[in-house]
Amino acid sequence: MAQLIPLTHLGLVRISGDDTLTFLQGQLTINLMTLEENQWSWGGHCDPKGKLLASFRLLKQNGDILMLMPKELISLDMPQLQKYAVFNKVSITDASNELPIHGLLGDDACHLAGELFAGEGNLRHQENASLLLDKTSAIILGELPNGLAALESGPEAQWLRHEIAQAWPMLPASQSGELVPQMLNLDAVGGIQYDKGCYIGQETVARMHFRGGNKRATFVLKGAASALPEGDLELALGENWRRGGTLLSSQLVEGELWATAVMAKDVEADAKLRIGEVELAIEPRPYPLFGEE
């Protein structure tokens, strides 16, 4: 049974104007010139050192570009975009209050959404709404079709757990400007095009790829817990424990603690991990890392 979940933690940045595509082409990790109108894409925006300022879903809508990201990142990322926009005919605005944002979860969520939004591709538009399809879920920006408005409402915690379980590259505000995009597996989900032209931070991102400089990736962790634990992520080495990586996000749902963390790529699949007294195990990643079979 599909559940409809208000996604209050997500917001929108709208970029519009005559120079929108050319301006963003020199800013973002994805190639906007080859992005089809019926396709949305993961993407990233880096600082000049190649550190990720924001990760997002990006789509074209009525000549504008919309970037869907956690609200807490918007106030950090928009000033950096605006700094480079002064000599371009573009407008960059926080559009979070313009369109309601809902998620669809459940076994038949994508099928139901696809029936209500006609078309091909993973991005479909109606007069007052846009649908972003994923393999296991969907997001609706704008007015809900009648066939969805009557669905049972689910808690946002269910969606946040889903984000974690899917190992989506959701950058928290606390890590903005700290990690290169590949550490969030952004290339593995199609959010980096290595054959596009130059953009801010491109030299570092390309070097990490072509010279094999990146040794870390995002992992999904799960364990049993009665409350969110405090402390750092730790990895067992024999009888001792040491810092195991950078915790990105965590969510406690029905006695299960789910988390994403950036750790060394070569960490063993059966490694012993913990946060405080809560033991964690590595879950299978829903997709291969870039370059893996």
C-alpha atoms as a PDB file:
ATOM      1  CA  MET A   1       0.000   0.000   0.000  1.00  0.00           C
ATOM      2  CA  ALA A   2       1.414   3.355  -1.025  1.00  0.00           C
ATOM      3  CA  GLN A   3       1.914   6.044   1.611  1.00  0.00           C
ATOM      4  CA  LEU A   4       1.926   9.797   0.966  1.00  0.00           C
ATOM      5  CA  ILE A   5       4.517  11.619   3.072  1.00  0.00           C
ATOM      6  CA  PRO A   6       4.939  15.422   3.364  1.00  0.00           C
ATOM      7  CA  LEU A   7       8.663  16.098   2.918  1.00  0.00           C
ATOM      8  CA  THR A   8       9.090  19.143   5.123  1.00  0.00           C
ATOM      9  CA  HIS A   9      12.864  18.677   5.377  1.00  0.00           C
ATOM     10  CA  LEU A  10      13.332  19.344   1.648  1.00  0.00           C
ATOM     11  CA  GLY A  11      13.350  22.719  -0.091  1.00  0.00           C
ATOM     12  CA  LEU A  12      13.804  24.143  -3.565  1.00  0.00           C
ATOM     13  CA  VAL A  13      16.202  26.571  -5.219  1.00  0.00           C
ATOM     14  CA  ARG A  14      14.912  28.081  -8.472  1.00  0.00           C
ATOM     15  CA  ILE A  15      17.296  29.444 -11.115  1.00  0.00           C
ATOM     16  CA  SER A  16      15.774  31.364 -14.004  1.00  0.00           C
ATOM     17  CA  GLY A  17      16.845  33.819 -16.692  1.00  0.00           C
ATOM     18  CA  ASP A  18      18.412  33.894 -20.142  1.00  0.00           C
ATOM     19  CA  ASP A  19      21.821  32.639 -18.962  1.00  0.00           C
ATOM     20  CA  THR A  20      20.556  29.864 -16.666  1.00  0.00           C
ATOM     21  CA  LEU A  21      21.970  26.875 -18.558  1.00  0.00           C
ATOM     22  CA  THR A  22      25.330  28.397 -19.437  1.00  0.00           C
ATOM     23  CA  PHE A  23      25.788  29.761 -15.918  1.00  0.00           C
ATOM     24  CA  LEU A  24      24.986  26.469 -14.186  1.00  0.00           C
ATOM     25  CA  GLN A  25      27.062  24.509 -16.703  1.00  0.00           C
ATOM     26  CA  GLY A  26      30.101  26.245 -15.216  1.00  0.00           C
ATOM     27  CA  GLN A  27      28.989  25.591 -11.642  1.00  0.00           C
ATOM     28  CA  LEU A  28      27.619  22.069 -11.273  1.00  0.00           C
ATOM     29  CA  THR A  29      28.970  18.534 -11.600  1.00  0.00           C
ATOM     30  CA  ILE A  30      26.389  17.429 -14.190  1.00  0.00           C
ATOM     31  CA  ASN A  31      26.040  18.277 -17.884  1.00  0.00           C
ATOM     32  CA  LEU A  32      22.874  20.339 -18.228  1.00  0.00           C
ATOM     33  CA  MET A  33      23.268  20.570 -21.996  1.00  0.00           C
ATOM     34  CA  THR A  34      22.621  16.853 -22.397  1.00  0.00           C
ATOM     35  CA  LEU A  35      19.952  16.500 -19.691  1.00  0.00           C
ATOM     36  CA  GLU A  36      16.629  15.644 -21.321  1.00  0.00           C
ATOM     37  CA  GLU A  37      13.422  17.490 -20.449  1.00  0.00           C
ATOM     38  CA  ASN A  38      11.882  14.230 -19.207  1.00  0.00           C
ATOM     39  CA  GLN A  39      14.827  13.311 -16.953  1.00  0.00           C
ATOM     40  CA  TRP A  40      15.863  14.519 -13.520  1.00  0.00           C
ATOM     41  CA  SER A  41      19.394  13.975 -12.243  1.00  0.00           C
ATOM     42  CA  TRP A  42      21.408  13.969  -9.057  1.00  0.00           C
ATOM     43  CA  GLY A  43      23.990  16.726  -9.025  1.00  0.00           C
ATOM     44  CA  GLY A  44      26.465  18.603  -6.884  1.00  0.00           C
ATOM     45  CA  HIS A  45      27.846  22.101  -6.383  1.00  0.00           C
ATOM     46  CA  CYS A  46      31.450  22.394  -5.209  1.00  0.00           C
ATOM     47  CA  ASP A  47      33.710  25.110  -3.866  1.00  0.00           C
ATOM     48  CA  PRO A  48      36.943  25.965  -5.748  1.00  0.00           C
ATOM     49  CA  LYS A  49      38.785  23.256  -3.787  1.00  0.00           C
ATOM     50  CA  GLY A  50      36.384  20.586  -5.052  1.00  0.00           C
ATOM     51  CA  LYS A  51      34.598  20.133  -1.719  1.00  0.00           C
ATOM     52  CA  LEU A  52      30.860  19.537  -1.975  1.00  0.00           C
ATOM     53  CA  LEU A  53      28.723  22.486  -0.830  1.00  0.00           C
ATOM     54  CA  ALA A  54      25.384  20.864  -1.702  1.00  0.00           C
ATOM     55  CA  SER A  55      23.973  17.760  -3.343  1.00  0.00           C
ATOM     56  CA  PHE A  56      20.527  17.758  -4.900  1.00  0.00           C
ATOM     57  CA  ARG A  57      18.049  16.440  -7.415  1.00  0.00           C
ATOM     58  CA  LEU A  58      17.916  18.738 -10.443  1.00  0.00           C
ATOM     59  CA  LEU A  59      15.145  19.149 -13.012  1.00  0.00           C
ATOM     60  CA  LYS A  60      14.059  21.480 -15.794  1.00  0.00           C
ATOM     61  CA  GLN A  61      10.605  23.021 -15.402  1.00  0.00           C
ATOM     62  CA  ASN A  62       9.069  25.612 -17.751  1.00  0.00           C
ATOM     63  CA  GLY A  63      12.458  27.015 -18.717  1.00  0.00           C
ATOM     64  CA  ASP A  64      13.717  27.199 -15.122  1.00  0.00           C
ATOM     65  CA  ILE A  65      16.030  24.900 -13.193  1.00  0.00           C
ATOM     66  CA  LEU A  66      14.888  23.540  -9.848  1.00  0.00           C
ATOM     67  CA  MET A  67      17.328  22.079  -7.327  1.00  0.00           C
ATOM     68  CA  LEU A  68      15.692  19.923  -4.641  1.00  0.00           C
ATOM     69  CA  MET A  69      17.833  19.669  -1.504  1.00  0.00           C
ATOM     70  CA  PRO A  70      17.570  19.660   2.301  1.00  0.00           C
ATOM     71  CA  LYS A  71      16.342  23.060   3.491  1.00  0.00           C
ATOM     72  CA  GLU A  72      19.309  23.408   5.815  1.00  0.00           C
ATOM     73  CA  LEU A  73      21.661  23.497   2.794  1.00  0.00           C
ATOM     74  CA  ILE A  74      19.880  26.292   0.938  1.00  0.00           C
ATOM     75  CA  SER A  75      21.182  29.138   3.096  1.00  0.00           C
ATOM     76  CA  LEU A  76      24.702  27.732   2.724  1.00  0.00           C
ATOM     77  CA  ASP A  77      24.641  27.076  -1.015  1.00  0.00           C
ATOM     78  CA  MET A  78      22.656  29.991  -2.427  1.00  0.00           C
ATOM     79  CA  PRO A  79      25.203  32.694  -1.465  1.00  0.00           C
ATOM     80  CA  GLN A  80      27.940  30.726  -3.229  1.00  0.00           C
ATOM     81  CA  LEU A  81      25.860  30.471  -6.403  1.00  0.00           C
ATOM     82  CA  GLN A  82      24.904  34.149  -6.219  1.00  0.00           C
ATOM     83  CA  LYS A  83      28.541  35.163  -5.841  1.00  0.00           C
ATOM     84  CA  TYR A  84      29.265  33.861  -9.347  1.00  0.00           C
ATOM     85  CA  ALA A  85      25.949  34.973 -10.839  1.00  0.00           C
ATOM     86  CA  VAL A  86      26.519  38.736 -10.749  1.00  0.00           C
ATOM     87  CA  PHE A  87      27.686  38.912 -14.382  1.00  0.00           C
ATOM     88  CA  ASN A  88      24.983  36.587 -15.727  1.00  0.00           C
ATOM     89  CA  LYS A  89      21.326  37.142 -16.537  1.00  0.00           C
ATOM     90  CA  VAL A  90      20.035  34.778 -13.873  1.00  0.00           C
ATOM     91  CA  SER A  91      17.802  34.957 -10.839  1.00  0.00           C
ATOM     92  CA  ILE A  92      18.446  32.581  -7.915  1.00  0.00           C
ATOM     93  CA  THR A  93      15.668  32.301  -5.341  1.00  0.00           C
ATOM     94  CA  ASP A  94      14.580  30.098  -2.456  1.00  0.00           C
ATOM     95  CA  ALA A  95      11.378  28.578  -3.858  1.00  0.00           C
ATOM     96  CA  SER A  96      10.679  26.261  -0.917  1.00  0.00           C
ATOM     97  CA  ASN A  97       7.341  27.942  -0.176  1.00  0.00           C
ATOM     98  CA  GLU A  98       6.180  27.980  -3.805  1.00  0.00           C
ATOM     99  CA  LEU A  99       5.477  24.261  -4.206  1.00  0.00           C
ATOM    100  CA  PRO A 100       4.434  21.595  -1.689  1.00  0.00           C
ATOM    101  CA  ILE A 101       6.730  18.547  -1.695  1.00  0.00           C
ATOM    102  CA  HIS A 102       5.420  15.018  -1.060  1.00  0.00           C
ATOM    103  CA  GLY A 103       6.999  11.580  -1.217  1.00  0.00           C
ATOM    104  CA  LEU A 104       5.388   8.303  -2.215  1.00  0.00           C
ATOM    105  CA  LEU A 105       6.510   5.061  -0.602  1.00  0.00           C
ATOM    106  CA  GLY A 106       5.203   1.525  -0.906  1.00  0.00           C
ATOM    107  CA  ASP A 107       5.233  -1.471  -3.221  1.00  0.00           C
ATOM    108  CA  ASP A 108       2.895   0.141  -5.753  1.00  0.00           C
ATOM    109  CA  ALA A 109       3.980   3.777  -5.285  1.00  0.00           C
ATOM    110  CA  CYS A 110       5.820   4.162  -8.598  1.00  0.00           C
ATOM    111  CA  HIS A 111       3.136   2.289 -10.555  1.00  0.00           C
ATOM    112  CA  LEU A 112       0.384   4.457  -9.104  1.00  0.00           C
ATOM    113  CA  ALA A 113       2.283   7.688  -9.732  1.00  0.00           C
ATOM    114  CA  GLY A 114       3.130   6.626 -13.276  1.00  0.00           C
ATOM    115  CA  GLU A 115      -0.523   6.024 -14.044  1.00  0.00           C
ATOM    116  CA  LEU A 116      -1.511   9.485 -12.839  1.00  0.00           C
ATOM    117  CA  PHE A 117       1.341  11.296 -14.629  1.00  0.00           C
ATOM    118  CA  ALA A 118       1.373  10.307 -18.292  1.00  0.00           C
ATOM    119  CA  GLY A 119       4.622  10.292 -20.240  1.00  0.00           C
ATOM    120  CA  GLU A 120       8.032   8.673 -20.511  1.00  0.00           C
ATOM    121  CA  GLY A 121      11.178   9.119 -18.476  1.00  0.00           C
ATOM    122  CA  ASN A 122      11.730   9.582 -14.751  1.00  0.00           C
ATOM    123  CA  LEU A 123      10.472  13.201 -14.828  1.00  0.00           C
ATOM    124  CA  ARG A 124       6.885  13.989 -15.838  1.00  0.00           C
ATOM    125  CA  HIS A 125       4.945  17.232 -15.735  1.00  0.00           C
ATOM    126  CA  GLN A 126       1.334  18.230 -15.378  1.00  0.00           C
ATOM    127  CA  GLU A 127      -0.054  21.762 -15.374  1.00  0.00           C
ATOM    128  CA  ASN A 128       0.457  22.288 -11.636  1.00  0.00           C
ATOM    129  CA  ALA A 129       2.821  19.492 -10.629  1.00  0.00           C
ATOM    130  CA  SER A 130       5.972  17.547 -11.492  1.00  0.00           C
ATOM    131  CA  LEU A 131       6.716  13.902 -10.727  1.00  0.00           C
ATOM    132  CA  LEU A 132      10.228  12.603 -10.006  1.00  0.00           C
ATOM    133  CA  LEU A 133      10.347   8.814 -10.252  1.00  0.00           C
ATOM    134  CA  ASP A 134      12.932   6.548  -8.678  1.00  0.00           C
ATOM    135  CA  LYS A 135      13.187   2.764  -8.710  1.00  0.00           C
ATOM    136  CA  THR A 136      11.584   2.469  -5.293  1.00  0.00           C
ATOM    137  CA  SER A 137       9.762   5.751  -4.637  1.00  0.00           C
ATOM    138  CA  ALA A 138       8.495   9.004  -6.113  1.00  0.00           C
ATOM    139  CA  ILE A 139       8.425  12.710  -5.287  1.00  0.00           C
ATOM    140  CA  ILE A 140       5.669  15.130  -6.307  1.00  0.00           C
ATOM    141  CA  LEU A 141       6.328  18.866  -6.521  1.00  0.00           C
ATOM    142  CA  GLY A 142       3.139  20.931  -6.594  1.00  0.00           C
ATOM    143  CA  GLU A 143      -0.548  20.055  -6.442  1.00  0.00           C
ATOM    144  CA  LEU A 144      -1.445  16.437  -5.768  1.00  0.00           C
ATOM    145  CA  PRO A 145      -3.636  14.631  -8.325  1.00  0.00           C
ATOM    146  CA  ASN A 146      -6.942  13.392  -6.912  1.00  0.00           C
ATOM    147  CA  GLY A 147      -5.733   9.816  -7.012  1.00  0.00           C
ATOM    148  CA  LEU A 148      -2.954  10.629  -4.535  1.00  0.00           C
ATOM    149  CA  ALA A 149      -4.552  13.158  -2.195  1.00  0.00           C
ATOM    150  CA  ALA A 150      -6.708  10.475  -0.562  1.00  0.00           C
ATOM    151  CA  LEU A 151      -3.812   8.130   0.253  1.00  0.00           C
ATOM    152  CA  GLU A 152      -2.899   7.256   3.823  1.00  0.00           C
ATOM    153  CA  SER A 153      -0.391   9.738   5.218  1.00  0.00           C
ATOM    154  CA  GLY A 154       2.907   8.400   6.520  1.00  0.00           C
ATOM    155  CA  PRO A 155       5.454   9.881   8.955  1.00  0.00           C
ATOM    156  CA  GLU A 156       8.470  11.711   7.569  1.00  0.00           C
ATOM    157  CA  ALA A 157      10.712   9.379   9.575  1.00  0.00           C
ATOM    158  CA  GLN A 158       9.765   6.587   7.152  1.00  0.00           C
ATOM    159  CA  TRP A 159      11.048   8.650   4.228  1.00  0.00           C
ATOM    160  CA  LEU A 160      14.223   9.630   6.061  1.00  0.00           C
ATOM    161  CA  ARG A 161      14.912   5.954   6.735  1.00  0.00           C
ATOM    162  CA  HIS A 162      14.274   5.252   3.041  1.00  0.00           C
ATOM    163  CA  GLU A 163      16.797   7.929   2.042  1.00  0.00           C
ATOM    164  CA  ILE A 164      19.380   6.229   4.233  1.00  0.00           C
ATOM    165  CA  ALA A 165      18.592   2.684   3.079  1.00  0.00           C
ATOM    166  CA  GLN A 166      18.963   3.759  -0.548  1.00  0.00           C
ATOM    167  CA  ALA A 167      22.374   5.348   0.194  1.00  0.00           C
ATOM    168  CA  TRP A 168      21.273   8.511  -1.596  1.00  0.00           C
ATOM    169  CA  PRO A 169      23.895  11.282  -1.606  1.00  0.00           C
ATOM    170  CA  MET A 170      22.132  13.478   0.955  1.00  0.00           C
ATOM    171  CA  LEU A 171      24.746  15.911   2.291  1.00  0.00           C
ATOM    172  CA  PRO A 172      24.023  17.285   5.786  1.00  0.00           C
ATOM    173  CA  ALA A 173      24.724  20.948   6.493  1.00  0.00           C
ATOM    174  CA  SER A 174      27.382  19.931   9.019  1.00  0.00           C
ATOM    175  CA  GLN A 175      29.476  18.427   6.185  1.00  0.00           C
ATOM    176  CA  SER A 176      28.987  21.176   3.584  1.00  0.00           C
ATOM    177  CA  GLY A 177      32.431  22.072   2.237  1.00  0.00           C
ATOM    178  CA  GLU A 178      34.125  19.073   3.912  1.00  0.00           C
ATOM    179  CA  LEU A 179      33.888  16.147   1.463  1.00  0.00           C
ATOM    180  CA  VAL A 180      34.620  15.586  -2.215  1.00  0.00           C
ATOM    181  CA  PRO A 181      31.516  14.460  -4.179  1.00  0.00           C
ATOM    182  CA  GLN A 182      32.716  10.895  -4.756  1.00  0.00           C
ATOM    183  CA  MET A 183      32.743  10.285  -1.005  1.00  0.00           C
ATOM    184  CA  LEU A 184      28.943  10.566  -1.118  1.00  0.00           C
ATOM    185  CA  ASN A 185      28.840   8.159  -4.108  1.00  0.00           C
ATOM    186  CA  LEU A 186      27.522  11.031  -6.238  1.00  0.00           C
ATOM    187  CA  ASP A 187      29.151   9.605  -9.374  1.00  0.00           C
ATOM    188  CA  ALA A 188      27.647   6.158  -8.700  1.00  0.00           C
ATOM    189  CA  VAL A 189      24.107   7.586  -8.975  1.00  0.00           C
ATOM    190  CA  GLY A 190      24.835   9.637 -12.099  1.00  0.00           C
ATOM    191  CA  GLY A 191      25.490  12.963 -10.386  1.00  0.00           C
ATOM    192  CA  ILE A 192      28.926  13.589 -11.948  1.00  0.00           C
ATOM    193  CA  GLN A 193      29.735  13.657 -15.658  1.00  0.00           C
ATOM    194  CA  TYR A 194      33.479  13.323 -16.098  1.00  0.00           C
ATOM    195  CA  ASP A 195      33.383  14.243 -19.792  1.00  0.00           C
ATOM    196  CA  LYS A 196      31.750  17.676 -19.421  1.00  0.00           C
ATOM    197  CA  GLY A 197      33.664  20.954 -19.543  1.00  0.00           C
ATOM    198  CA  CYS A 198      35.105  22.951 -16.677  1.00  0.00           C
ATOM    199  CA  TYR A 199      33.150  23.911 -13.568  1.00  0.00           C
ATOM    200  CA  ILE A 200      33.993  25.164 -10.106  1.00  0.00           C
ATOM    201  CA  GLY A 201      36.049  22.504  -8.326  1.00  0.00           C
ATOM    202  CA  GLN A 202      36.308  20.312 -11.440  1.00  0.00           C
ATOM    203  CA  GLU A 203      40.082  19.898 -11.219  1.00  0.00           C
ATOM    204  CA  THR A 204      39.904  18.180  -7.827  1.00  0.00           C
ATOM    205  CA  VAL A 205      36.876  16.064  -8.754  1.00  0.00           C
ATOM    206  CA  ALA A 206      38.547  14.881 -11.968  1.00  0.00           C
ATOM    207  CA  ARG A 207      41.850  14.153 -10.222  1.00  0.00           C
ATOM    208  CA  MET A 208      40.070  12.023  -7.636  1.00  0.00           C
ATOM    209  CA  HIS A 209      38.540  10.010 -10.472  1.00  0.00           C
ATOM    210  CA  PHE A 210      41.327   9.655 -13.016  1.00  0.00           C
ATOM    211  CA  ARG A 211      44.184   9.274 -10.518  1.00  0.00           C
ATOM    212  CA  GLY A 212      42.302   7.168  -8.006  1.00  0.00           C
ATOM    213  CA  GLY A 213      42.724   9.687  -5.208  1.00  0.00           C
ATOM    214  CA  ASN A 214      39.447   8.943  -3.450  1.00  0.00           C
ATOM    215  CA  LYS A 215      39.651   6.084  -0.956  1.00  0.00           C
ATOM    216  CA  ARG A 216      36.322   6.653   0.818  1.00  0.00           C
ATOM    217  CA  ALA A 217      32.652   5.994   0.087  1.00  0.00           C
ATOM    218  CA  THR A 218      29.240   6.196   1.742  1.00  0.00           C
ATOM    219  CA  PHE A 219      27.979   3.065   3.511  1.00  0.00           C
ATOM    220  CA  VAL A 220      24.594   2.129   4.985  1.00  0.00           C
ATOM    221  CA  LEU A 221      24.620   0.887   8.582  1.00  0.00           C
ATOM    222  CA  LYS A 222      21.877  -0.703  10.696  1.00  0.00           C
ATOM    223  CA  GLY A 223      21.485  -1.861  14.281  1.00  0.00           C
ATOM    224  CA  ALA A 224      18.981  -2.313  17.094  1.00  0.00           C
ATOM    225  CA  ALA A 225      18.451   0.658  19.418  1.00  0.00           C
ATOM    226  CA  SER A 226      15.904   2.094  21.823  1.00  0.00           C
ATOM    227  CA  ALA A 227      17.136   5.690  21.420  1.00  0.00           C
ATOM    228  CA  LEU A 228      19.450   7.664  19.156  1.00  0.00           C
ATOM    229  CA  PRO A 229      22.977   7.122  20.498  1.00  0.00           C
ATOM    230  CA  GLU A 230      25.506   9.857  21.072  1.00  0.00           C
ATOM    231  CA  GLY A 231      29.140   9.823  20.113  1.00  0.00           C
ATOM    232  CA  ASP A 232      31.369   9.090  17.137  1.00  0.00           C
ATOM    233  CA  LEU A 233      31.225   6.145  14.785  1.00  0.00           C
ATOM    234  CA  GLU A 234      33.856   3.632  15.900  1.00  0.00           C
ATOM    235  CA  LEU A 235      35.426   0.610  14.200  1.00  0.00           C
ATOM    236  CA  ALA A 236      36.765  -2.436  16.051  1.00  0.00           C
ATOM    237  CA  LEU A 237      40.426  -3.302  15.472  1.00  0.00           C
ATOM    238  CA  GLY A 238      41.142  -6.428  17.464  1.00  0.00           C
ATOM    239  CA  GLU A 239      40.376  -5.589  21.101  1.00  0.00           C
ATOM    240  CA  ASN A 240      40.476  -1.854  20.479  1.00  0.00           C
ATOM    241  CA  TRP A 241      38.170   0.703  18.921  1.00  0.00           C
ATOM    242  CA  ARG A 242      39.125   3.653  16.749  1.00  0.00           C
ATOM    243  CA  ARG A 243      37.224   6.298  14.800  1.00  0.00           C
ATOM    244  CA  GLY A 244      35.478   4.509  11.954  1.00  0.00           C
ATOM    245  CA  GLY A 245      34.364   7.340   9.691  1.00  0.00           C
ATOM    246  CA  THR A 246      32.165  10.392   9.312  1.00  0.00           C
ATOM    247  CA  LEU A 247      28.527   9.963  10.275  1.00  0.00           C
ATOM    248  CA  LEU A 248      26.237  11.672   7.755  1.00  0.00           C
ATOM    249  CA  SER A 249      22.712  10.903   8.938  1.00  0.00           C
ATOM    250  CA  SER A 250      20.826   8.619  11.292  1.00  0.00           C
ATOM    251  CA  GLN A 251      17.191   7.710  11.874  1.00  0.00           C
ATOM    252  CA  LEU A 252      15.527   5.583  14.516  1.00  0.00           C
ATOM    253  CA  VAL A 253      12.368   3.791  13.334  1.00  0.00           C
ATOM    254  CA  GLU A 254      10.594   0.990  15.199  1.00  0.00           C
ATOM    255  CA  GLY A 255      13.635  -0.026  17.207  1.00  0.00           C
ATOM    256  CA  GLU A 256      16.043   0.010  14.260  1.00  0.00           C
ATOM    257  CA  LEU A 257      18.813   2.556  13.918  1.00  0.00           C
ATOM    258  CA  TRP A 258      19.683   3.326  10.291  1.00  0.00           C
ATOM    259  CA  ALA A 259      22.669   5.489   9.390  1.00  0.00           C
ATOM    260  CA  THR A 260      24.890   6.548   6.530  1.00  0.00           C
ATOM    261  CA  ALA A 261      28.578   7.128   7.034  1.00  0.00           C
ATOM    262  CA  VAL A 262      31.635   7.908   4.936  1.00  0.00           C
ATOM    263  CA  MET A 263      34.228   5.219   5.567  1.00  0.00           C
ATOM    264  CA  ALA A 264      37.270   3.692   3.895  1.00  0.00           C
ATOM    265  CA  LYS A 265      36.273   1.792   0.757  1.00  0.00           C
ATOM    266  CA  ASP A 266      38.226  -1.267   1.856  1.00  0.00           C
ATOM    267  CA  VAL A 267      36.413  -1.720   5.172  1.00  0.00           C
ATOM    268  CA  GLU A 268      35.402  -5.361   5.585  1.00  0.00           C
ATOM    269  CA  ALA A 269      31.740  -6.191   4.983  1.00  0.00           C
ATOM    270  CA  ASP A 270      31.537  -7.902   8.400  1.00  0.00           C
ATOM    271  CA  ALA A 271      33.366  -5.137  10.273  1.00  0.00           C
ATOM    272  CA  LYS A 272      32.242  -4.421  13.843  1.00  0.00           C
ATOM    273  CA  LEU A 273      31.004  -0.857  14.252  1.00  0.00           C
ATOM    274  CA  ARG A 274      29.298   1.092  16.990  1.00  0.00           C
ATOM    275  CA  ILE A 275      27.965   4.479  18.015  1.00  0.00           C
ATOM    276  CA  GLY A 276      28.038   4.668  21.786  1.00  0.00           C
ATOM    277  CA  GLU A 277      26.732   1.286  22.941  1.00  0.00           C
ATOM    278  CA  VAL A 278      24.752   0.580  19.766  1.00  0.00           C
ATOM    279  CA  GLU A 279      26.371  -2.031  17.523  1.00  0.00           C
ATOM    280  CA  LEU A 280      25.976  -1.555  13.774  1.00  0.00           C
ATOM    281  CA  ALA A 281      26.388  -3.784  10.732  1.00  0.00           C
ATOM    282  CA  ILE A 282      27.056  -2.782   7.140  1.00  0.00           C
ATOM    283  CA  GLU A 283      24.020  -3.195   4.885  1.00  0.00           C
ATOM    284  CA  PRO A 284      24.310  -4.053   1.163  1.00  0.00           C
ATOM    285  CA  ARG A 285      24.472  -0.894  -0.974  1.00  0.00           C
ATOM    286  CA  PRO A 286      21.548  -0.730  -3.468  1.00  0.00           C
ATOM    287  CA  TYR A 287      23.931   0.145  -6.317  1.00  0.00           C
ATOM    288  CA  PRO A 288      27.570  -0.511  -7.256  1.00  0.00           C
ATOM    289  CA  LEU A 289      30.175   2.187  -6.777  1.00  0.00           C
ATOM    290  CA  PHE A 290      31.360   3.926  -9.947  1.00  0.00           C
ATOM    291  CA  GLY A 291      33.568   1.534 -11.902  1.00  0.00           C
ATOM    292  CA  GLU A 292      32.381  -1.590 -10.077  1.00  0.00           C
ATOM    293  CA  GLU A 293      30.519  -4.337 -11.875  1.00  0.00           C
END
